[in-house]
Amino acid sequence: MLAFLACGSGDDPVLVTVEGQPIRWSEYRDAYIDYLAGTGLEDEPSRRRGFLERLVSMRLVVLEGRDAGLASTPEFASFEEKAARRLLVDAFLADAAFDTLTASREELEAMFVRVNTRITARHLYANSAEEAAALKRRLDSGETFESLAREVFVDSTLAAGGGSVGTFGFDEMDPSFEDAAYALPVGAVSDPVRTAQGWSVIRVDDRSVNPLLTAQEFAERLPELSRYVVERRRSTVRREWSDRLVAELAPRLEPATAAGLLDRIAGVGPSEAGPGDEAVLVRFRAGGADRTWNVAEFRRQAELASDRQRASVTDARSLEAFVVGLLVREEMARRALDRDLDETPRYRRALATAIEEWLYERSFARLAARVPVPEDSVTAYFDRHRDEFTLPRAVRVREIASATKRTADSLRAALGAAEFGELARRHSVRATAGVGGDLGWLTDDDLGPWARAAFSADPGEVLGPLEMRGQYLLLEIGERRDARPADFDDVKNAINEQLARESQRDFLREHVTLLRERYEVRYAEKGPESYPLVAETHRTS
């Protein structure tokens, strides 16, 4: 059912209502800017109108999902709790500092140059500020990146390449690493830089800037550039607040309880082994009082974290980082509640948006399940496009992952007396331990900087230890497979997914047409193309 609204008025006009629920310009604008930034597409009137229709379709599918009871399931309740916690943290940071962040003209112009600049650099890695400062002093005394890289890097490519990270552009490196590199003149060496992985000392070897920059392009990209600047500054503020709260909380893990938890995570000993729920895991100070979390409370808090965050726990250091991160987020959420930030329109709107996105994903999955792809369609597609399917070269690889280089070195030394798969099952700290470390067939893209060494190695040869995100890997190289035409079994799943997406898109389009008859859709006289694309939260000063 279609109808039309009177022209919207005020600072945040309504563009359309779906069954009485408004989609306002601010909601549309922020989603549209994210869409342009994520796709790299340019803003144009027809694209704005099409994006509005996309939001209407999503709102219709969500309404149907609510009517079907999706918001009454235990899965929804779990999601809502996690979303509320995450948004309370965001609300605390916004109230504490984010709301004062703006992008000046000078910052926007500097960001415009940065996104059109590529840097060639190298670095030396350290685990602490003290180690990084020592490396900087040795460089200042005349030692070279090449000699020090062979000393500090386990990764053979970085060690042999003098710590070279090659050439990179905007948003391709850790933000702190990138900020430091772009601020350096060619040939200059940075002071120690803290990154998400540790500490780096950086040297810029080359810099190239796109010479065809225009004022028109700068003007067209202002909303995107403003968002980049503000988001980068928010990351810095978030890190500073985290450091401040860690100092205030002063967390202290109980070594015995932490060790027992790690044994349970690693599957060492019987499943019932490890500390009981009442065992104290961490002591800290909050709200002017000494407090503790026992194992049961830690588990409850851990459930609010993401799967990726939970999977990051592999050793004592990562467990401590995980626990401290949970403490910081809980403290931010507690302070947000103390300030009644959960009662603000901004928080309520953000939570409603998160819920709507979750309901859409689940509703779409239910609809997609009603569109099976016949097997003969997959076979027919393969027969028509057989010449287009090839498999890249690949090599079979097994791994043993260790938390420290010392452990990795000792396991490598033990390979003469023990079989690789057995050592992986007994000692690897990654999930592949259960299958003897088997990673399956890996391509050049899968192996990244280790591809050349892997494809040059003989079957049975072991590479490493190789450093990867704080862990140390031994890689056993198996048989190699040259690039070849793909068989049907190699690509049938990919073809099925492609055909399913096409069928689901067509089905959804037809289904939304039916939903428009079921729910009332009312458009305003002025569409999204009538308003300037400058978000209040991305204002310039």
Protein backbone atom coordinates (compact mmCIF):
# COMPACT_ATOMS: atom_id res chain seq x y z
CA MET A 1 0.00 0.00 0.00
CA LEU A 2 1.56 3.29 -1.11
CA ALA A 3 0.71 6.79 0.07
CA PHE A 4 2.49 10.14 0.32
CA LEU A 5 3.51 12.30 3.26
CA ALA A 6 3.58 16.05 3.40
CA CYS A 7 7.03 17.55 2.99
CA GLY A 8 9.21 16.87 6.01
CA SER A 9 10.10 19.83 8.19
CA GLY A 10 12.66 20.60 10.83
CA ASP A 11 16.30 19.55 11.01
CA ASP A 12 15.63 15.84 10.50
CA PRO A 13 12.81 15.36 7.97
CA VAL A 14 11.06 12.04 7.40
CA LEU A 15 11.75 10.53 3.97
CA VAL A 16 9.32 7.60 4.21
CA THR A 17 7.29 5.67 6.76
CA VAL A 18 6.84 1.92 6.68
CA GLU A 19 3.78 0.80 8.63
CA GLY A 20 4.02 4.05 10.57
CA GLN A 21 7.74 3.69 11.35
CA PRO A 22 9.76 6.64 9.98
CA ILE A 23 13.03 6.52 8.08
CA ARG A 24 14.48 9.97 8.73
CA TRP A 25 17.10 11.84 6.76
CA SER A 26 19.76 11.39 9.48
CA GLU A 27 19.30 7.61 9.52
CA TYR A 28 19.33 7.45 5.73
CA ARG A 29 22.31 9.82 5.39
CA ASP A 30 24.64 7.94 7.76
CA ALA A 31 23.78 4.58 6.19
CA TYR A 32 24.24 5.99 2.68
CA ILE A 33 27.66 7.49 3.49
CA ASP A 34 28.76 4.12 4.91
CA TYR A 35 27.50 2.46 1.74
CA LEU A 36 29.46 4.82 -0.52
CA ALA A 37 32.62 4.42 1.58
CA GLY A 38 32.32 0.63 1.54
CA THR A 39 31.65 0.27 -2.19
CA GLY A 40 33.76 3.13 -3.56
CA LEU A 41 30.76 4.35 -5.59
CA GLU A 42 30.08 8.01 -6.32
CA ASP A 43 27.06 9.90 -5.00
CA GLU A 44 24.38 10.61 -7.60
CA PRO A 45 20.61 11.27 -7.44
CA SER A 46 19.51 7.94 -8.92
CA ARG A 47 21.75 6.07 -6.50
CA ARG A 48 20.26 7.97 -3.56
CA ARG A 49 16.73 7.00 -4.59
CA GLY A 50 17.76 3.38 -5.11
CA PHE A 51 19.36 3.24 -1.67
CA LEU A 52 16.15 4.55 -0.10
CA GLU A 53 14.23 1.71 -1.77
CA ARG A 54 16.79 -0.70 -0.33
CA LEU A 55 16.13 0.61 3.19
CA VAL A 56 12.37 0.33 2.65
CA SER A 57 12.75 -3.30 1.52
CA MET A 58 14.84 -4.08 4.59
CA ARG A 59 12.26 -2.47 6.88
CA LEU A 60 9.47 -4.55 5.28
CA VAL A 61 11.42 -7.79 5.75
CA VAL A 62 12.10 -6.86 9.40
CA LEU A 63 8.42 -6.21 10.04
CA GLU A 64 7.57 -9.64 8.69
CA GLY A 65 10.26 -11.18 10.91
CA ARG A 66 8.86 -9.50 13.99
CA ASP A 67 5.38 -10.73 13.13
CA ALA A 68 6.86 -14.23 12.85
CA GLY A 69 8.19 -14.04 16.45
CA LEU A 70 11.94 -13.67 15.80
CA ALA A 71 12.20 -11.07 18.56
CA SER A 72 10.89 -13.58 21.12
CA THR A 73 13.65 -16.19 20.74
CA PRO A 74 16.54 -16.94 23.13
CA GLU A 75 18.94 -16.16 20.28
CA PHE A 76 17.50 -12.65 20.03
CA ALA A 77 17.74 -12.13 23.81
CA SER A 78 21.44 -13.09 23.72
CA PHE A 79 22.10 -10.73 20.82
CA GLU A 80 20.26 -7.86 22.47
CA GLU A 81 22.32 -8.19 25.65
CA LYS A 82 25.57 -8.12 23.68
CA ALA A 83 24.44 -5.17 21.57
CA ALA A 84 23.33 -3.20 24.63
CA ARG A 85 26.71 -3.73 26.28
CA ARG A 86 28.62 -2.68 23.16
CA LEU A 87 26.49 0.42 22.69
CA LEU A 88 26.83 1.42 26.35
CA VAL A 89 30.59 1.43 25.83
CA ASP A 90 30.13 3.56 22.71
CA ALA A 91 27.81 5.90 24.64
CA PHE A 92 30.36 6.33 27.43
CA LEU A 93 33.14 7.21 24.97
CA ALA A 94 30.86 9.58 23.05
CA ASP A 95 29.90 11.35 26.26
CA ALA A 96 33.45 11.43 27.57
CA ALA A 97 35.23 12.62 24.45
CA PHE A 98 33.79 11.67 21.08
CA ASP A 99 31.21 14.46 21.00
CA THR A 100 34.00 17.05 21.06
CA LEU A 101 35.80 15.59 18.04
CA THR A 102 35.54 17.57 14.83
CA ALA A 103 37.52 17.68 11.60
CA SER A 104 39.24 20.96 10.77
CA ARG A 105 39.85 22.14 7.23
CA GLU A 106 43.57 21.51 7.63
CA GLU A 107 42.96 17.92 8.80
CA LEU A 108 40.60 17.25 5.91
CA GLU A 109 43.12 18.54 3.39
CA ALA A 110 45.87 16.45 4.97
CA MET A 111 43.65 13.37 4.85
CA PHE A 112 42.84 14.05 1.18
CA VAL A 113 46.56 14.03 0.40
CA ARG A 114 47.05 10.88 2.47
CA VAL A 115 44.43 8.84 0.64
CA ASN A 116 46.24 9.78 -2.57
CA THR A 117 49.70 8.91 -1.27
CA ARG A 118 51.61 5.61 -1.16
CA ILE A 119 54.50 4.91 1.20
CA THR A 120 57.37 2.43 1.03
CA ALA A 121 58.72 1.65 4.50
CA ARG A 122 60.47 -0.82 6.77
CA HIS A 123 60.34 -1.40 10.51
CA LEU A 124 61.82 -3.24 13.47
CA TYR A 125 59.44 -5.00 15.86
CA ALA A 126 59.67 -5.16 19.66
CA ASN A 127 57.47 -6.56 22.41
CA SER A 128 57.85 -3.55 24.71
CA ALA A 129 58.59 0.16 24.68
CA GLU A 130 61.93 -0.52 26.36
CA GLU A 131 62.99 -3.00 23.67
CA ALA A 132 61.89 -0.60 20.93
CA ALA A 133 63.82 2.29 22.52
CA ALA A 134 66.93 0.09 22.65
CA LEU A 135 66.56 -0.68 18.93
CA LYS A 136 66.21 3.05 18.16
CA ARG A 137 69.40 3.81 20.10
CA ARG A 138 71.28 1.12 18.18
CA LEU A 139 70.07 2.60 14.88
CA ASP A 140 71.16 6.08 16.03
CA SER A 141 74.58 4.58 16.86
CA GLY A 142 75.05 3.34 13.31
CA GLU A 143 73.65 -0.19 13.19
CA THR A 144 71.46 -0.90 10.17
CA PHE A 145 67.88 -2.05 9.67
CA GLU A 146 69.27 -5.00 7.73
CA SER A 147 71.43 -6.28 10.58
CA LEU A 148 68.85 -5.67 13.30
CA ALA A 149 66.02 -7.21 11.27
CA ARG A 150 67.94 -10.51 11.13
CA GLU A 151 68.09 -10.36 14.92
CA VAL A 152 64.52 -9.39 15.83
CA PHE A 153 62.32 -11.07 13.19
CA VAL A 154 61.36 -14.72 13.25
CA ASP A 155 59.56 -14.24 9.92
CA SER A 156 62.23 -15.15 7.36
CA THR A 157 60.90 -12.68 4.77
CA LEU A 158 61.09 -9.71 7.14
CA ALA A 159 64.45 -10.87 8.50
CA ALA A 160 66.00 -11.19 5.04
CA GLY A 161 64.33 -8.04 3.74
CA GLY A 162 65.60 -5.67 6.38
CA GLY A 163 62.13 -5.36 7.91
CA SER A 164 60.61 -4.11 4.67
CA VAL A 165 56.80 -3.99 4.63
CA GLY A 166 56.77 -2.95 0.97
CA THR A 167 54.54 -0.21 -0.41
CA PHE A 168 51.18 0.55 1.16
CA GLY A 169 48.42 3.14 0.99
CA PHE A 170 45.76 4.59 3.24
CA ASP A 171 44.00 2.18 5.61
CA GLU A 172 46.23 -0.77 4.70
CA MET A 173 48.32 -0.83 7.90
CA ASP A 174 47.75 -0.54 11.64
CA PRO A 175 46.43 3.05 12.16
CA SER A 176 49.23 4.00 14.56
CA PHE A 177 51.87 2.57 12.19
CA GLU A 178 50.27 4.44 9.29
CA ASP A 179 50.06 7.75 11.18
CA ALA A 180 53.75 7.58 12.08
CA ALA A 181 54.86 6.57 8.58
CA TYR A 182 52.90 9.32 6.83
CA ALA A 183 54.32 11.93 9.22
CA LEU A 184 57.95 10.98 8.47
CA PRO A 185 60.08 12.55 5.74
CA VAL A 186 61.74 10.10 3.34
CA GLY A 187 64.80 8.59 5.02
CA ALA A 188 63.74 9.54 8.55
CA VAL A 189 63.42 7.03 11.42
CA SER A 190 60.58 7.24 13.94
CA ASP A 191 60.68 7.05 17.70
CA PRO A 192 59.07 3.85 19.05
CA VAL A 193 55.45 3.57 17.88
CA ARG A 194 52.87 1.55 19.78
CA THR A 195 50.65 -0.59 17.53
CA ALA A 196 48.02 -3.24 18.15
CA GLN A 197 50.73 -5.92 17.78
CA GLY A 198 53.48 -4.39 19.92
CA TRP A 199 56.04 -1.67 19.18
CA SER A 200 57.73 -0.61 15.94
CA VAL A 201 60.59 1.63 14.87
CA ILE A 202 59.82 2.79 11.33
CA ARG A 203 61.84 4.20 8.43
CA VAL A 204 60.21 5.65 5.29
CA ASP A 205 62.13 4.76 2.12
CA ASP A 206 59.90 6.35 -0.53
CA ARG A 207 56.72 8.37 -0.98
CA SER A 208 54.61 8.96 -4.09
CA VAL A 209 51.61 11.32 -4.38
CA ASN A 210 48.99 11.25 -7.10
CA PRO A 211 49.78 14.45 -9.08
CA LEU A 212 46.23 14.87 -10.41
CA LEU A 213 44.48 16.14 -7.26
CA THR A 214 41.72 18.68 -7.84
CA ALA A 215 39.62 20.99 -5.68
CA GLN A 216 36.48 19.45 -7.15
CA GLU A 217 37.47 15.94 -6.09
CA PHE A 218 38.30 17.25 -2.61
CA ALA A 219 34.85 18.86 -2.34
CA GLU A 220 33.11 15.69 -3.53
CA ARG A 221 34.90 13.57 -0.93
CA LEU A 222 34.42 15.89 2.06
CA PRO A 223 31.84 13.70 3.91
CA GLU A 224 34.01 10.62 3.45
CA LEU A 225 37.20 12.44 4.46
CA SER A 226 35.50 13.90 7.54
CA ARG A 227 34.41 10.46 8.63
CA TYR A 228 37.95 9.10 8.15
CA VAL A 229 39.47 11.86 10.29
CA VAL A 230 36.94 11.56 13.10
CA GLU A 231 37.06 7.76 13.20
CA ARG A 232 40.87 7.80 13.39
CA ARG A 233 40.77 10.25 16.28
CA ARG A 234 38.12 8.15 17.98
CA SER A 235 40.44 5.13 17.82
CA THR A 236 43.13 7.16 19.55
CA VAL A 237 40.73 8.39 22.24
CA ARG A 238 39.44 4.85 22.81
CA ARG A 239 42.97 3.58 23.36
CA GLU A 240 43.80 6.46 25.71
CA TRP A 241 40.67 5.84 27.79
CA SER A 242 41.44 2.12 27.93
CA ASP A 243 44.94 2.84 29.22
CA ARG A 244 43.53 5.26 31.80
CA LEU A 245 40.99 2.75 33.08
CA VAL A 246 43.53 -0.07 33.24
CA ALA A 247 45.65 2.15 35.49
CA GLU A 248 42.62 2.89 37.69
CA LEU A 249 41.40 -0.71 37.85
CA ALA A 250 44.90 -2.09 38.52
CA PRO A 251 43.86 -5.67 37.63
CA ARG A 252 45.85 -8.60 39.07
CA LEU A 253 45.23 -12.13 37.79
CA GLU A 254 45.49 -15.08 40.16
CA PRO A 255 48.25 -17.19 38.52
CA ALA A 256 46.93 -20.59 39.60
CA THR A 257 43.37 -19.91 38.43
CA ALA A 258 44.60 -18.44 35.14
CA ALA A 259 46.85 -21.44 34.53
CA GLY A 260 43.97 -23.82 35.22
CA LEU A 261 41.75 -21.97 32.77
CA LEU A 262 44.44 -22.14 30.09
CA ASP A 263 44.82 -25.88 30.60
CA ARG A 264 41.06 -26.28 30.12
CA ILE A 265 41.09 -24.11 26.99
CA ALA A 266 44.00 -26.11 25.56
CA GLY A 267 42.32 -29.42 26.41
CA VAL A 268 45.07 -30.51 28.77
CA GLY A 269 43.85 -33.16 31.18
CA PRO A 270 40.26 -34.32 31.78
CA SER A 271 37.40 -31.99 30.86
CA GLU A 272 36.41 -31.59 34.51
CA ALA A 273 39.90 -30.40 35.42
CA GLY A 274 40.59 -26.76 36.15
CA PRO A 275 39.40 -24.20 38.69
CA GLY A 276 35.85 -24.25 40.03
CA ASP A 277 33.32 -21.52 39.34
CA GLU A 278 33.95 -19.83 42.70
CA ALA A 279 37.73 -19.59 42.25
CA VAL A 280 38.91 -15.96 42.07
CA LEU A 281 40.43 -15.15 38.67
CA VAL A 282 41.17 -11.42 38.90
CA ARG A 283 41.31 -8.76 41.60
CA PHE A 284 40.82 -5.08 40.77
CA ARG A 285 39.54 -1.80 42.17
CA ALA A 286 36.33 -0.13 40.89
CA GLY A 287 33.88 2.37 42.33
CA GLY A 288 36.22 3.08 45.22
CA ALA A 289 36.21 -0.55 46.44
CA ASP A 290 38.30 -3.68 46.01
CA ARG A 291 36.48 -6.20 43.84
CA THR A 292 37.01 -9.62 42.28
CA TRP A 293 35.72 -11.71 39.40
CA ASN A 294 35.48 -15.42 39.95
CA VAL A 295 35.51 -17.95 37.11
CA ALA A 296 31.71 -17.92 36.83
CA GLU A 297 31.60 -14.12 36.42
CA PHE A 298 34.44 -14.27 33.91
CA ARG A 299 32.48 -16.78 31.83
CA ARG A 300 29.41 -14.55 31.90
CA GLN A 301 31.43 -11.56 30.77
CA ALA A 302 33.22 -13.62 28.12
CA GLU A 303 29.87 -14.54 26.58
CA LEU A 304 29.37 -10.84 25.81
CA ALA A 305 32.60 -10.77 23.78
CA SER A 306 32.82 -11.70 20.10
CA ASP A 307 33.83 -15.13 18.84
CA ARG A 308 37.02 -13.60 17.46
CA GLN A 309 37.94 -12.10 20.84
CA ARG A 310 37.34 -15.40 22.63
CA ALA A 311 39.33 -17.32 20.02
CA SER A 312 42.31 -14.99 20.59
CA VAL A 313 43.02 -16.61 23.98
CA THR A 314 45.86 -19.08 23.42
CA ASP A 315 48.42 -18.35 26.13
CA ALA A 316 48.94 -16.53 29.45
CA ARG A 317 49.56 -13.16 27.79
CA SER A 318 46.48 -13.28 25.58
CA LEU A 319 44.31 -14.50 28.48
CA GLU A 320 45.43 -11.55 30.59
CA ALA A 321 44.76 -9.14 27.72
CA PHE A 322 41.30 -10.67 27.22
CA VAL A 323 40.39 -10.40 30.92
CA VAL A 324 41.66 -6.83 31.17
CA GLY A 325 39.72 -5.90 28.03
CA LEU A 326 36.54 -7.31 29.56
CA LEU A 327 37.15 -5.35 32.76
CA VAL A 328 37.63 -2.11 30.84
CA ARG A 329 34.48 -2.58 28.76
CA GLU A 330 32.44 -3.47 31.86
CA GLU A 331 33.72 -0.36 33.65
CA MET A 332 32.82 1.83 30.66
CA ALA A 333 29.34 0.29 30.55
CA ARG A 334 28.91 0.81 34.31
CA ARG A 335 29.86 4.48 34.04
CA ALA A 336 27.47 4.91 31.12
CA LEU A 337 24.62 3.57 33.25
CA ASP A 338 25.64 5.83 36.16
CA ARG A 339 25.23 8.78 33.78
CA ASP A 340 21.84 7.49 32.53
CA LEU A 341 23.20 7.35 28.99
CA ASP A 342 20.95 4.38 28.27
CA GLU A 343 18.01 6.80 28.51
CA THR A 344 19.25 9.13 25.76
CA PRO A 345 17.64 9.24 22.31
CA ARG A 346 21.01 8.53 20.69
CA TYR A 347 21.50 5.28 22.60
CA ARG A 348 17.94 4.13 22.02
CA ARG A 349 18.21 4.89 18.31
CA ALA A 350 21.53 3.01 18.03
CA LEU A 351 20.11 -0.03 19.81
CA ALA A 352 17.00 0.01 17.62
CA THR A 353 19.21 0.11 14.50
CA ALA A 354 21.33 -2.81 15.71
CA ILE A 355 18.20 -4.84 16.47
CA GLU A 356 16.75 -4.06 13.06
CA GLU A 357 19.94 -5.20 11.31
CA TRP A 358 19.94 -8.46 13.28
CA LEU A 359 16.27 -9.11 12.52
CA TYR A 360 16.86 -8.44 8.83
CA GLU A 361 19.73 -10.92 8.66
CA ARG A 362 17.69 -13.65 10.35
CA SER A 363 14.57 -12.86 8.33
CA PHE A 364 16.52 -12.92 5.08
CA ALA A 365 18.06 -16.27 6.02
CA ARG A 366 14.57 -17.70 6.57
CA LEU A 367 13.47 -16.43 3.17
CA ALA A 368 16.64 -17.65 1.45
CA ALA A 369 16.04 -21.18 2.77
CA ARG A 370 12.88 -21.24 0.67
CA VAL A 371 14.90 -20.88 -2.56
CA PRO A 372 16.81 -24.14 -3.17
CA VAL A 373 19.05 -24.47 -6.23
CA PRO A 374 18.35 -27.65 -8.28
CA GLU A 375 21.46 -29.80 -8.70
CA ASP A 376 20.93 -30.02 -12.46
CA SER A 377 21.13 -26.20 -12.62
CA VAL A 378 24.57 -26.33 -10.99
CA THR A 379 25.71 -29.03 -13.41
CA ALA A 380 24.37 -27.13 -16.42
CA TYR A 381 26.15 -23.94 -15.31
CA PHE A 382 29.44 -25.81 -14.98
CA ASP A 383 29.05 -27.34 -18.43
CA ARG A 384 28.41 -23.91 -20.00
CA HIS A 385 31.34 -22.21 -18.24
CA ARG A 386 33.79 -25.11 -17.88
CA ASP A 387 36.66 -23.18 -19.50
CA GLU A 388 36.37 -20.38 -16.93
CA PHE A 389 37.15 -22.57 -13.92
CA THR A 390 40.78 -23.16 -12.97
CA LEU A 391 42.45 -24.02 -9.70
CA PRO A 392 45.66 -22.16 -8.71
CA ARG A 393 48.73 -24.04 -7.67
CA ALA A 394 48.61 -25.29 -4.10
CA VAL A 395 50.70 -27.07 -1.52
CA ARG A 396 49.65 -29.29 1.37
CA VAL A 397 50.69 -27.83 4.73
CA ARG A 398 50.62 -28.88 8.36
CA GLU A 399 51.30 -26.53 11.27
CA ILE A 400 52.37 -26.48 14.90
CA ALA A 401 51.53 -23.18 16.62
CA SER A 402 53.33 -22.16 19.83
CA ALA A 403 52.87 -19.25 22.19
CA THR A 404 56.62 -18.54 22.45
CA LYS A 405 59.63 -18.81 20.17
CA ARG A 406 61.43 -20.91 22.78
CA THR A 407 58.66 -23.52 22.67
CA ALA A 408 58.66 -23.49 18.87
CA ASP A 409 62.45 -23.97 18.80
CA SER A 410 62.24 -26.92 21.21
CA LEU A 411 59.46 -28.55 19.17
CA ARG A 412 61.48 -28.17 15.99
CA ALA A 413 64.43 -29.83 17.70
CA ALA A 414 62.14 -32.70 18.74
CA LEU A 415 61.04 -33.44 15.17
CA GLY A 416 63.84 -35.92 14.63
CA ALA A 417 62.45 -38.17 17.34
CA ALA A 418 58.72 -37.49 16.95
CA GLU A 419 56.29 -37.34 14.04
CA PHE A 420 55.04 -33.86 13.08
CA GLY A 421 51.34 -34.69 13.37
CA GLU A 422 51.77 -36.21 16.81
CA LEU A 423 53.64 -33.13 18.07
CA ALA A 424 50.88 -30.95 16.64
CA ARG A 425 48.18 -32.95 18.44
CA ARG A 426 50.03 -32.74 21.74
CA HIS A 427 51.43 -29.22 21.68
CA SER A 428 49.85 -26.92 19.07
CA VAL A 429 47.78 -24.11 20.60
CA ARG A 430 45.48 -23.71 17.58
CA ALA A 431 42.33 -25.63 16.71
CA THR A 432 44.14 -27.59 14.00
CA ALA A 433 45.82 -29.60 16.77
CA GLY A 434 42.84 -31.96 16.65
CA VAL A 435 43.67 -32.97 13.07
CA GLY A 436 47.42 -33.18 13.51
CA GLY A 437 47.97 -29.60 12.39
CA ASP A 438 46.57 -30.21 8.90
CA LEU A 439 45.80 -26.92 7.08
CA GLY A 440 44.84 -28.64 3.84
CA TRP A 441 45.76 -27.25 0.42
CA LEU A 442 47.04 -23.65 0.53
CA THR A 443 47.53 -21.29 -2.41
CA ASP A 444 49.91 -18.36 -2.90
CA ASP A 445 47.22 -16.03 -1.56
CA ASP A 446 46.69 -18.22 1.52
CA LEU A 447 50.41 -18.32 2.33
CA GLY A 448 51.10 -14.64 1.68
CA PRO A 449 54.74 -13.70 2.43
CA TRP A 450 55.64 -17.37 2.99
CA ALA A 451 54.45 -18.54 -0.44
CA ARG A 452 57.83 -18.40 -2.15
CA ALA A 453 59.55 -20.43 0.57
CA ALA A 454 56.71 -22.95 0.76
CA PHE A 455 56.61 -23.65 -2.98
CA SER A 456 60.41 -23.87 -3.12
CA ALA A 457 60.65 -26.36 -0.25
CA ASP A 458 60.95 -30.10 -0.70
CA PRO A 459 58.14 -32.36 0.58
CA GLY A 460 58.72 -33.02 4.27
CA GLU A 461 60.75 -29.84 4.81
CA VAL A 462 59.78 -27.73 7.84
CA LEU A 463 59.78 -23.93 7.78
CA GLY A 464 60.03 -21.74 10.82
CA PRO A 465 59.49 -20.76 13.48
CA LEU A 466 57.49 -18.05 11.65
CA GLU A 467 55.90 -15.24 13.63
CA MET A 468 52.19 -14.58 13.06
CA ARG A 469 50.15 -12.28 15.34
CA GLY A 470 52.09 -13.13 18.46
CA GLN A 471 52.31 -16.87 17.79
CA TYR A 472 55.16 -18.92 16.34
CA LEU A 473 54.47 -21.46 13.61
CA LEU A 474 56.28 -24.49 12.29
CA LEU A 475 55.02 -25.37 8.81
CA GLU A 476 55.59 -28.82 7.34
CA ILE A 477 55.44 -28.72 3.54
CA GLY A 478 53.76 -31.64 1.80
CA GLU A 479 53.01 -32.46 -1.82
CA ARG A 480 52.49 -29.71 -4.39
CA ARG A 481 49.73 -29.42 -6.99
CA ASP A 482 50.18 -27.38 -10.16
CA ALA A 483 47.50 -25.04 -11.47
CA ARG A 484 44.94 -27.04 -13.45
CA PRO A 485 41.42 -26.92 -14.88
CA ALA A 486 38.84 -27.41 -12.13
CA ASP A 487 36.70 -30.54 -11.87
CA PHE A 488 33.00 -30.25 -11.07
CA ASP A 489 33.54 -31.37 -7.46
CA ASP A 490 36.12 -28.59 -7.02
CA VAL A 491 33.69 -25.78 -7.83
CA LYS A 492 30.17 -27.11 -7.30
CA ASN A 493 29.81 -25.42 -3.91
CA ALA A 494 30.93 -22.07 -5.28
CA ILE A 495 28.55 -22.37 -8.24
CA ASN A 496 25.70 -23.33 -5.93
CA GLU A 497 26.37 -20.24 -3.77
CA GLN A 498 26.44 -17.97 -6.81
CA LEU A 499 23.21 -19.35 -8.26
CA ALA A 500 21.59 -19.23 -4.82
CA ARG A 501 22.44 -15.54 -4.44
CA GLU A 502 20.92 -14.78 -7.84
CA SER A 503 17.77 -16.78 -7.10
CA GLN A 504 17.44 -15.27 -3.63
CA ARG A 505 17.78 -11.75 -5.01
CA ASP A 506 14.98 -12.38 -7.53
CA PHE A 507 12.81 -14.07 -4.90
CA LEU A 508 13.35 -11.24 -2.40
CA ARG A 509 12.40 -8.64 -4.99
CA GLU A 510 9.12 -10.46 -5.68
CA HIS A 511 8.50 -11.08 -1.98
CA VAL A 512 9.01 -7.40 -1.10
CA THR A 513 6.42 -6.51 -3.75
CA LEU A 514 3.93 -8.68 -1.84
CA LEU A 515 4.95 -7.12 1.47
CA ARG A 516 4.22 -3.66 0.08
CA GLU A 517 0.61 -4.80 -0.28
CA ARG A 518 0.60 -6.04 3.30
CA TYR A 519 2.23 -3.04 4.99
CA GLU A 520 1.65 0.66 4.33
CA VAL A 521 4.53 2.62 2.76
CA ARG A 522 4.19 6.44 2.69
CA TYR A 523 6.77 8.61 0.88
CA ALA A 524 7.49 12.29 1.57
CA GLU A 525 7.24 14.75 -1.27
CA LYS A 526 10.96 15.54 -1.00
CA GLY A 527 13.27 12.60 -1.59
CA PRO A 528 16.87 12.06 -0.36
CA GLU A 529 18.29 13.80 -3.41
CA SER A 530 16.83 17.07 -2.06
CA TYR A 531 19.21 17.36 0.92
CA PRO A 532 22.98 18.08 1.19
CA LEU A 533 25.09 15.09 2.11
CA VAL A 534 26.79 16.57 5.18
CA ALA A 535 26.26 14.70 8.44
CA GLU A 536 25.97 16.59 11.70
CA THR A 537 28.34 14.13 13.35
CA HIS A 538 30.89 14.77 10.60
CA ARG A 539 30.84 18.55 10.72
CA THR A 540 33.92 20.62 9.99
CA SER A 541 35.29 23.51 11.99
